[in-house]
Amino acid sequence: MRFGSDMAGRAEQGIGEPEEVAVAVAFLASDLVDALAGK
C-alpha cells in the first residue's frame, strides 16, 4: 500500500526532491487532520 506522501513525492520528481515533497505533504496532511479534529 502506498501512502499519499510517497505518491506525491513520486509525482513531483521532475519538479523537486521527492523526499522533501513527501515530508512536506505528510506535515500538511497532519496539520489538516489536526484542524479538522479541532486541535
PDB file of N, CA and C in Angstrom:
ATOM      1  N   MET A   1       0.847  -1.192   0.000  1.00  0.00           N
ATOM      2  CA  MET A   1       0.000   0.000   0.000  1.00  0.00           C
ATOM      3  C   MET A   1       0.883   1.242   0.000  1.00  0.00           C
ATOM      4  N   ARG A   2       0.575   2.168  -0.840  1.00  0.00           N
ATOM      5  CA  ARG A   2       1.320   3.427  -0.927  1.00  0.00           C
ATOM      6  C   ARG A   2       0.629   4.483  -0.067  1.00  0.00           C
ATOM      7  N   PHE A   3       1.426   5.306   0.567  1.00  0.00           N
ATOM      8  CA  PHE A   3       0.894   6.425   1.318  1.00  0.00           C
ATOM      9  C   PHE A   3       0.858   7.645   0.411  1.00  0.00           C
ATOM     10  N   GLY A   4      -0.044   8.566   0.701  1.00  0.00           N
ATOM     11  CA  GLY A   4      -0.183   9.758  -0.124  1.00  0.00           C
ATOM     12  C   GLY A   4       1.104  10.549  -0.251  1.00  0.00           C
ATOM     13  N   SER A   5       1.867  10.624   0.840  1.00  0.00           N
ATOM     14  CA  SER A   5       3.116  11.376   0.780  1.00  0.00           C
ATOM     15  C   SER A   5       4.109  10.727  -0.166  1.00  0.00           C
ATOM     16  N   ASP A   6       4.147   9.397  -0.205  1.00  0.00           N
ATOM     17  CA  ASP A   6       5.032   8.699  -1.148  1.00  0.00           C
ATOM     18  C   ASP A   6       4.612   8.987  -2.578  1.00  0.00           C
ATOM     19  N   MET A   7       3.312   8.927  -2.822  1.00  0.00           N
ATOM     20  CA  MET A   7       2.816   9.159  -4.177  1.00  0.00           C
ATOM     21  C   MET A   7       3.072  10.601  -4.603  1.00  0.00           C
ATOM     22  N   ALA A   8       2.884  11.546  -3.689  1.00  0.00           N
ATOM     23  CA  ALA A   8       3.137  12.949  -4.015  1.00  0.00           C
ATOM     24  C   ALA A   8       4.605  13.160  -4.330  1.00  0.00           C
ATOM     25  N   GLY A   9       5.462  12.528  -3.572  1.00  0.00           N
ATOM     26  CA  GLY A   9       6.897  12.637  -3.828  1.00  0.00           C
ATOM     27  C   GLY A   9       7.255  12.115  -5.200  1.00  0.00           C
ATOM     28  N   ARG A  10       6.665  11.015  -5.593  1.00  0.00           N
ATOM     29  CA  ARG A  10       6.938  10.445  -6.914  1.00  0.00           C
ATOM     30  C   ARG A  10       6.380  11.343  -8.014  1.00  0.00           C
ATOM     31  N   ALA A  11       5.232  11.936  -7.775  1.00  0.00           N
ATOM     32  CA  ALA A  11       4.616  12.798  -8.782  1.00  0.00           C
ATOM     33  C   ALA A  11       5.445  14.052  -9.028  1.00  0.00           C
ATOM     34  N   GLU A  12       6.168  14.499  -8.024  1.00  0.00           N
ATOM     35  CA  GLU A  12       6.933  15.737  -8.122  1.00  0.00           C
ATOM     36  C   GLU A  12       8.386  15.508  -8.518  1.00  0.00           C
ATOM     37  N   GLN A  13       8.748  14.310  -8.932  1.00  0.00           N
ATOM     38  CA  GLN A  13      10.145  14.013  -9.244  1.00  0.00           C
ATOM     39  C   GLN A  13      10.750  15.005 -10.221  1.00  0.00           C
ATOM     40  N   GLY A  14      10.023  15.403 -11.229  1.00  0.00           N
ATOM     41  CA  GLY A  14      10.565  16.311 -12.223  1.00  0.00           C
ATOM     42  C   GLY A  14      10.670  17.746 -11.747  1.00  0.00           C
ATOM     43  N   ILE A  15      10.038  18.071 -10.615  1.00  0.00           N
ATOM     44  CA  ILE A  15       9.972  19.452 -10.146  1.00  0.00           C
ATOM     45  C   ILE A  15      10.871  19.684  -8.938  1.00  0.00           C
ATOM     46  N   GLY A  16      10.852  18.776  -7.977  1.00  0.00           N
ATOM     47  CA  GLY A  16      11.623  18.946  -6.756  1.00  0.00           C
ATOM     48  C   GLY A  16      12.170  17.618  -6.285  1.00  0.00           C
ATOM     49  N   GLU A  17      12.710  17.624  -5.092  1.00  0.00           N
ATOM     50  CA  GLU A  17      13.236  16.401  -4.495  1.00  0.00           C
ATOM     51  C   GLU A  17      12.064  15.596  -3.934  1.00  0.00           C
ATOM     52  N   PRO A  18      11.869  14.364  -4.384  1.00  0.00           N
ATOM     53  CA  PRO A  18      10.724  13.568  -3.935  1.00  0.00           C
ATOM     54  C   PRO A  18      10.655  13.408  -2.419  1.00  0.00           C
ATOM     55  N   GLU A  19      11.800  13.237  -1.776  1.00  0.00           N
ATOM     56  CA  GLU A  19      11.796  13.049  -0.323  1.00  0.00           C
ATOM     57  C   GLU A  19      11.302  14.304   0.387  1.00  0.00           C
ATOM     58  N   GLU A  20      11.747  15.472  -0.081  1.00  0.00           N
ATOM     59  CA  GLU A  20      11.314  16.727   0.535  1.00  0.00           C
ATOM     60  C   GLU A  20       9.820  16.952   0.322  1.00  0.00           C
ATOM     61  N   VAL A  21       9.353  16.667  -0.868  1.00  0.00           N
ATOM     62  CA  VAL A  21       7.925  16.827  -1.163  1.00  0.00           C
ATOM     63  C   VAL A  21       7.106  15.882  -0.299  1.00  0.00           C
ATOM     64  N   ALA A  22       7.567  14.643  -0.147  1.00  0.00           N
ATOM     65  CA  ALA A  22       6.843  13.662   0.660  1.00  0.00           C
ATOM     66  C   ALA A  22       6.748  14.114   2.105  1.00  0.00           C
ATOM     67  N   VAL A  23       7.839  14.634   2.649  1.00  0.00           N
ATOM     68  CA  VAL A  23       7.831  15.108   4.039  1.00  0.00           C
ATOM     69  C   VAL A  23       6.898  16.306   4.184  1.00  0.00           C
ATOM     70  N   ALA A  24       6.963  17.238   3.241  1.00  0.00           N
ATOM     71  CA  ALA A  24       6.104  18.418   3.305  1.00  0.00           C
ATOM     72  C   ALA A  24       4.630  18.033   3.241  1.00  0.00           C
ATOM     73  N   VAL A  25       4.286  17.106   2.358  1.00  0.00           N
ATOM     74  CA  VAL A  25       2.895  16.661   2.238  1.00  0.00           C
ATOM     75  C   VAL A  25       2.449  15.964   3.517  1.00  0.00           C
ATOM     76  N   ALA A  26       3.331  15.181   4.118  1.00  0.00           N
ATOM     77  CA  ALA A  26       2.984  14.492   5.366  1.00  0.00           C
ATOM     78  C   ALA A  26       2.683  15.502   6.470  1.00  0.00           C
ATOM     79  N   PHE A  27       3.502  16.550   6.581  1.00  0.00           N
ATOM     80  CA  PHE A  27       3.255  17.579   7.593  1.00  0.00           C
ATOM     81  C   PHE A  27       1.950  18.316   7.319  1.00  0.00           C
ATOM     82  N   LEU A  28       1.707  18.655   6.061  1.00  0.00           N
ATOM     83  CA  LEU A  28       0.460  19.341   5.718  1.00  0.00           C
ATOM     84  C   LEU A  28      -0.754  18.473   6.013  1.00  0.00           C
ATOM     85  N   ALA A  29      -0.660  17.192   5.713  1.00  0.00           N
ATOM     86  CA  ALA A  29      -1.769  16.280   5.995  1.00  0.00           C
ATOM     87  C   ALA A  29      -2.019  16.188   7.494  1.00  0.00           C
ATOM     88  N   SER A  30      -0.951  16.143   8.267  1.00  0.00           N
ATOM     89  CA  SER A  30      -1.083  16.087   9.722  1.00  0.00           C
ATOM     90  C   SER A  30      -1.756  17.354  10.246  1.00  0.00           C
ATOM     91  N   ASP A  31      -1.335  18.509   9.731  1.00  0.00           N
ATOM     92  CA  ASP A  31      -1.962  19.771  10.130  1.00  0.00           C
ATOM     93  C   ASP A  31      -3.444  19.794   9.770  1.00  0.00           C
ATOM     94  N   LEU A  32      -3.783  19.275   8.601  1.00  0.00           N
ATOM     95  CA  LEU A  32      -5.181  19.234   8.174  1.00  0.00           C
ATOM     96  C   LEU A  32      -6.008  18.355   9.101  1.00  0.00           C
ATOM     97  N   VAL A  33      -5.488  17.197   9.451  1.00  0.00           N
ATOM     98  CA  VAL A  33      -6.200  16.291  10.358  1.00  0.00           C
ATOM     99  C   VAL A  33      -6.410  16.970  11.704  1.00  0.00           C
ATOM    100  N   ASP A  34      -5.370  17.640  12.216  1.00  0.00           N
ATOM    101  CA  ASP A  34      -5.497  18.347  13.492  1.00  0.00           C
ATOM    102  C   ASP A  34      -6.551  19.451  13.407  1.00  0.00           C
ATOM    103  N   ALA A  35      -6.555  20.192  12.304  1.00  0.00           N
ATOM    104  CA  ALA A  35      -7.523  21.278  12.143  1.00  0.00           C
ATOM    105  C   ALA A  35      -8.947  20.737  12.081  1.00  0.00           C
ATOM    106  N   LEU A  36      -9.126  19.646  11.358  1.00  0.00           N
ATOM    107  CA  LEU A  36     -10.462  19.059  11.256  1.00  0.00           C
ATOM    108  C   LEU A  36     -10.924  18.463  12.578  1.00  0.00           C
ATOM    109  N   ALA A  37      -9.977  18.018  13.395  1.00  0.00           N
ATOM    110  CA  ALA A  37     -10.309  17.437  14.694  1.00  0.00           C
ATOM    111  C   ALA A  37     -10.497  18.515  15.759  1.00  0.00           C
ATOM    112  N   GLY A  38     -10.202  19.769  15.415  1.00  0.00           N
ATOM    113  CA  GLY A  38     -10.373  20.863  16.357  1.00  0.00           C
ATOM    114  C   GLY A  38      -9.248  20.987  17.356  1.00  0.00           C
ATOM    115  N   LYS A  39      -8.088  20.491  17.011  1.00  0.00           N
ATOM    116  CA  LYS A  39      -6.933  20.583  17.927  1.00  0.00           C
ATOM    117  C   LYS A  39      -6.212  21.887  17.754  1.00  0.00           C
TER     118      LYS A  39
END
